[in-house]
N, C-alpha and C. Protein backbone atom coordinates (compact mmCIF):
# COMPACT_ATOMS: atom_id res chain seq x y z
N MET A 1 70.57 55.91 138.68
CA MET A 1 70.03 56.21 139.16
C MET A 1 69.42 57.11 139.94
N SER A 2 69.24 57.76 141.06
CA SER A 2 68.20 58.15 141.63
C SER A 2 66.63 58.52 141.38
N ASP A 3 66.24 57.93 142.54
CA ASP A 3 64.58 57.40 142.46
C ASP A 3 64.18 59.14 141.88
N LEU A 4 65.46 60.17 142.17
CA LEU A 4 64.25 61.96 141.63
C LEU A 4 64.65 62.07 140.01
N LYS A 5 66.21 61.68 140.03
CA LYS A 5 66.75 61.65 138.64
C LYS A 5 64.95 60.67 138.14
N LYS A 6 65.06 59.71 138.11
CA LYS A 6 63.97 58.78 137.29
C LYS A 6 63.22 59.50 137.33
N TYR A 7 62.36 60.37 138.10
CA TYR A 7 61.38 61.15 138.17
C TYR A 7 60.93 61.68 137.15
N ILE A 8 62.33 62.83 137.03
CA ILE A 8 62.22 64.17 136.55
C ILE A 8 62.49 63.42 135.38
N ALA A 9 63.47 62.56 134.91
CA ALA A 9 63.65 61.82 133.52
C ALA A 9 61.33 61.92 133.37
N LYS A 10 62.13 61.00 133.53
CA LYS A 10 60.12 60.39 133.29
C LYS A 10 59.01 61.55 133.06
N ARG A 11 59.43 62.60 133.87
CA ARG A 11 58.76 64.42 133.95
C ARG A 11 58.90 64.43 132.23
N LYS A 12 59.65 64.89 132.14
CA LYS A 12 59.92 65.99 130.79
C LYS A 12 59.94 64.95 130.03
N GLU A 13 60.15 63.32 129.96
CA GLU A 13 59.21 62.97 128.88
C GLU A 13 58.03 63.04 128.50
N SER A 14 57.70 63.06 129.66
CA SER A 14 55.80 63.47 129.38
C SER A 14 54.63 64.42 129.60
N ASP A 15 56.06 65.55 129.68
CA ASP A 15 55.20 66.88 129.91
C ASP A 15 56.49 67.66 128.81
N SER A 16 56.16 68.01 128.20
CA SER A 16 56.97 69.75 127.18
C SER A 16 56.77 70.55 128.36
N GLU A 17 55.77 71.00 128.30
CA GLU A 17 56.27 72.76 129.11
C GLU A 17 56.69 72.16 130.13
N PHE A 18 56.88 71.24 131.08
CA PHE A 18 57.82 70.82 132.38
C PHE A 18 59.36 70.80 131.96
N ALA A 19 59.67 70.92 130.69
CA ALA A 19 60.49 70.18 130.12
C ALA A 19 61.55 71.08 129.39
N LYS A 20 60.78 72.00 128.85
CA LYS A 20 60.66 73.55 128.41
C LYS A 20 61.48 74.05 129.93
N ASP A 21 61.32 74.15 131.11
CA ASP A 21 61.64 75.33 131.31
C ASP A 21 62.14 74.85 133.48
N PHE A 22 61.86 73.49 132.63
CA PHE A 22 62.99 72.45 133.47
C PHE A 22 64.35 73.17 134.50
N ASP A 23 65.26 72.79 133.41
CA ASP A 23 66.94 73.04 133.20
C ASP A 23 67.21 74.76 133.89
N ASP A 24 66.20 76.00 133.60
CA ASP A 24 66.86 76.99 133.73
C ASP A 24 66.10 77.72 135.49
N GLY A 25 64.65 76.46 135.60
CA GLY A 25 64.73 76.81 137.14
C GLY A 25 65.42 75.84 137.60
N TYR A 26 66.24 74.74 137.08
CA TYR A 26 66.54 74.30 138.08
C TYR A 26 68.19 75.03 138.44
N GLN A 27 68.89 75.41 136.88
CA GLN A 27 69.72 76.73 137.29
C GLN A 27 70.06 77.57 139.30
N ALA A 28 69.15 77.89 138.50
CA ALA A 28 68.25 79.01 139.86
C ALA A 28 68.10 78.63 141.07
N PHE A 29 67.53 77.47 141.03
CA PHE A 29 67.97 76.71 142.74
C PHE A 29 68.56 77.27 143.07
N LYS A 30 68.80 76.29 142.45
CA LYS A 30 70.98 75.60 142.88
C LYS A 30 71.84 76.77 143.41
N ILE A 31 71.95 77.93 142.00
CA ILE A 31 72.93 79.30 142.57
C ILE A 31 72.11 79.28 143.78
N GLY A 32 71.17 79.93 144.42
CA GLY A 32 70.98 80.18 145.29
C GLY A 32 70.40 79.29 146.39
N ALA A 33 70.84 77.58 145.93
CA ALA A 33 70.98 76.85 147.40
C ALA A 33 72.16 76.66 148.08
N VAL A 34 73.17 77.35 146.44
CA VAL A 34 74.89 77.53 146.93
C VAL A 34 75.06 77.62 148.25
N LEU A 35 74.45 79.56 147.68
CA LEU A 35 74.40 80.87 148.40
C LEU A 35 74.43 80.69 149.26
N LYS A 36 73.74 80.47 150.02
CA LYS A 36 72.49 79.53 151.38
C LYS A 36 73.99 78.72 152.33
N GLN A 37 74.14 77.84 151.64
CA GLN A 37 75.20 77.32 151.81
C GLN A 37 76.37 77.97 152.66
N VAL A 38 77.18 78.37 151.73
CA VAL A 38 77.86 78.72 151.87
C VAL A 38 77.98 80.36 152.85
N ARG A 39 77.03 80.70 153.14
CA ARG A 39 76.40 81.65 153.93
C ARG A 39 75.93 80.43 155.37
N GLU A 40 75.51 79.75 155.46
CA GLU A 40 75.72 79.39 156.66
C GLU A 40 76.60 78.40 156.92
N SER A 41 77.84 77.94 155.99
CA SER A 41 78.80 77.24 156.33
C SER A 41 79.80 78.87 156.99
N SER A 42 79.93 80.15 156.76
CA SER A 42 80.21 80.45 156.82
C SER A 42 80.07 81.82 158.84
N GLY A 43 78.87 81.07 159.18
CA GLY A 43 78.56 81.50 160.05
C GLY A 43 77.61 82.92 160.03
N LEU A 44 76.96 83.19 159.31
CA LEU A 44 76.50 84.27 159.37
C LEU A 44 74.72 83.92 158.76
N THR A 45 73.99 84.84 159.69
CA THR A 45 72.72 84.62 159.61
C THR A 45 71.94 86.32 157.60
N GLN A 46 71.39 86.07 157.44
CA GLN A 46 71.11 86.25 156.82
C GLN A 46 70.79 88.31 156.85
N GLU A 47 71.12 88.58 158.18
CA GLU A 47 70.98 89.38 158.18
C GLU A 47 72.36 90.81 158.97
N GLN A 48 72.97 89.23 159.11
CA GLN A 48 74.40 89.72 159.33
C GLN A 48 75.48 90.11 157.57
N LEU A 49 74.86 89.28 157.00
CA LEU A 49 76.03 89.43 156.07
C LEU A 49 74.96 90.91 154.49
N ALA A 50 73.21 90.15 154.78
CA ALA A 50 72.90 91.93 154.28
C ALA A 50 73.76 93.31 155.37
N LYS A 51 73.82 93.16 155.98
CA LYS A 51 75.16 94.66 157.23
C LYS A 51 76.40 94.79 156.36
N LYS A 52 77.02 93.45 155.79
CA LYS A 52 78.76 93.75 155.12
C LYS A 52 77.87 93.97 153.88
N LEU A 53 76.57 94.06 153.28
CA LEU A 53 76.76 93.83 151.53
C LEU A 53 75.93 95.22 151.83
N HIS A 54 75.51 95.60 152.73
CA HIS A 54 74.87 97.14 152.82
C HIS A 54 73.44 97.46 151.52
N THR A 55 72.38 96.54 152.64
CA THR A 55 71.43 95.65 151.72
C THR A 55 70.35 95.35 152.83
N LYS A 56 69.97 94.81 152.68
CA LYS A 56 68.18 94.70 153.47
C LYS A 56 68.68 92.84 153.51
N LYS A 57 67.73 92.19 155.07
CA LYS A 57 67.39 90.84 154.69
C LYS A 57 67.19 90.48 153.43
N SER A 58 65.55 90.87 154.07
CA SER A 58 64.96 90.92 152.39
C SER A 58 65.51 90.49 151.14
N ALA A 59 66.40 91.22 151.24
CA ALA A 59 66.84 90.56 149.02
C ALA A 59 68.05 89.89 149.46
N ILE A 60 68.85 89.16 150.82
CA ILE A 60 69.31 88.21 150.84
C ILE A 60 68.54 86.98 150.55
N SER A 61 67.54 87.10 151.47
CA SER A 61 66.60 86.12 151.42
C SER A 61 65.89 86.22 149.45
N ARG A 62 65.44 87.01 148.80
CA ARG A 62 65.30 87.47 147.71
C ARG A 62 66.42 86.75 146.76
N ILE A 63 67.70 86.42 146.66
CA ILE A 63 69.32 86.95 146.19
C ILE A 63 69.08 84.76 146.26
N GLU A 64 68.64 84.11 147.83
CA GLU A 64 68.80 82.83 148.17
C GLU A 64 67.27 81.91 147.59
N ASN A 65 65.95 82.80 147.57
CA ASN A 65 64.95 81.67 147.40
C ASN A 65 64.91 82.14 145.50
N HIS A 66 64.95 83.21 144.95
CA HIS A 66 65.44 83.32 143.64
C HIS A 66 66.24 83.89 142.81
N ALA A 67 67.53 83.29 142.83
CA ALA A 67 68.45 83.70 141.74
C ALA A 67 68.42 82.91 140.71
N GLU A 68 67.17 83.85 140.12
CA GLU A 68 67.32 83.50 139.19
C GLU A 68 67.49 84.35 138.11
N ASP A 69 67.98 85.65 138.74
CA ASP A 69 67.93 87.05 137.78
C ASP A 69 68.82 88.18 138.71
N ILE A 70 70.34 87.16 139.10
CA ILE A 70 71.07 87.84 139.74
C ILE A 70 72.32 88.29 138.96
N ARG A 71 72.67 89.57 139.60
CA ARG A 71 73.81 90.17 138.85
C ARG A 71 75.14 89.21 138.16
N LEU A 72 75.75 89.35 138.56
CA LEU A 72 77.07 88.30 137.65
C LEU A 72 78.53 89.46 139.01
N SER A 73 77.93 91.19 138.99
CA SER A 73 78.84 91.73 140.14
C SER A 73 78.15 91.63 141.52
N THR A 74 76.66 91.31 142.18
CA THR A 74 75.78 90.98 143.57
C THR A 74 76.78 89.57 143.18
N LEU A 75 76.84 88.05 142.87
CA LEU A 75 77.11 87.17 143.06
C LEU A 75 79.62 86.92 144.12
N GLU A 76 79.42 88.50 143.01
CA GLU A 76 81.80 88.75 143.03
C GLU A 76 81.49 89.63 144.75
N LYS A 77 80.54 90.44 144.50
CA LYS A 77 80.50 90.62 146.33
C LYS A 77 79.92 90.07 146.88
N PHE A 78 79.11 88.74 146.72
CA PHE A 78 78.49 88.03 147.84
C PHE A 78 79.52 86.87 148.10
N ALA A 79 80.77 86.11 147.03
CA ALA A 79 81.30 85.83 147.37
C ALA A 79 81.95 86.04 148.20
N GLN A 80 83.37 87.37 148.19
CA GLN A 80 83.81 88.42 148.11
C GLN A 80 83.86 88.32 150.04
N VAL A 81 82.93 89.09 150.48
CA VAL A 81 82.09 89.23 151.58
C VAL A 81 82.55 87.83 152.66
N LEU A 82 81.86 86.72 151.82
CA LEU A 82 82.87 85.55 152.49
C LEU A 82 83.18 84.72 152.38
N GLY A 83 84.24 85.46 151.73
CA GLY A 83 85.78 85.77 152.31
C GLY A 83 86.74 84.19 150.78
N ARG A 84 85.47 83.91 149.88
CA ARG A 84 85.52 82.93 148.49
C ARG A 84 85.73 83.65 147.79
N LYS A 85 85.84 82.62 146.28
CA LYS A 85 86.01 83.34 144.85
C LYS A 85 85.55 82.47 144.50
N LEU A 86 84.56 83.39 143.40
CA LEU A 86 83.63 82.85 142.48
C LEU A 86 84.60 82.81 141.14
N GLU A 87 83.99 80.86 140.80
CA GLU A 87 84.39 80.78 139.80
C GLU A 87 83.34 80.78 138.54
N VAL A 88 83.02 81.01 137.68
CA VAL A 88 81.69 80.73 136.42
C VAL A 88 82.64 79.94 135.54
N SER A 89 82.14 78.94 135.20
CA SER A 89 81.80 77.73 133.77
C SER A 89 81.36 78.70 132.51
N ILE A 90 81.46 77.90 131.92
CA ILE A 90 80.56 77.53 130.35
C ILE A 90 80.87 76.11 129.92
N LYS A 91 79.70 75.09 129.70
CA LYS A 91 80.23 73.96 129.44
C LYS A 91 78.80 73.75 128.12
């Protein structure tokens, strides 16, 4: 187990407020991080992607940094413009 995972586990045990909100916050962060990684690996800037999605650079930044409330249709458009396929799973 990594030091980060150990810290998170210990913090969850000692801080119920942290534990309550951690998983949701982490999932939102992870979605934004994945979207940013895919955009960068496609060789596009936020501005270039925004033009392809008919939106503003600030909207792309918001999606990548605060993806907690992103719509499925937006994710589908994002993936399509980047030549990717969106897969959703429930575990």
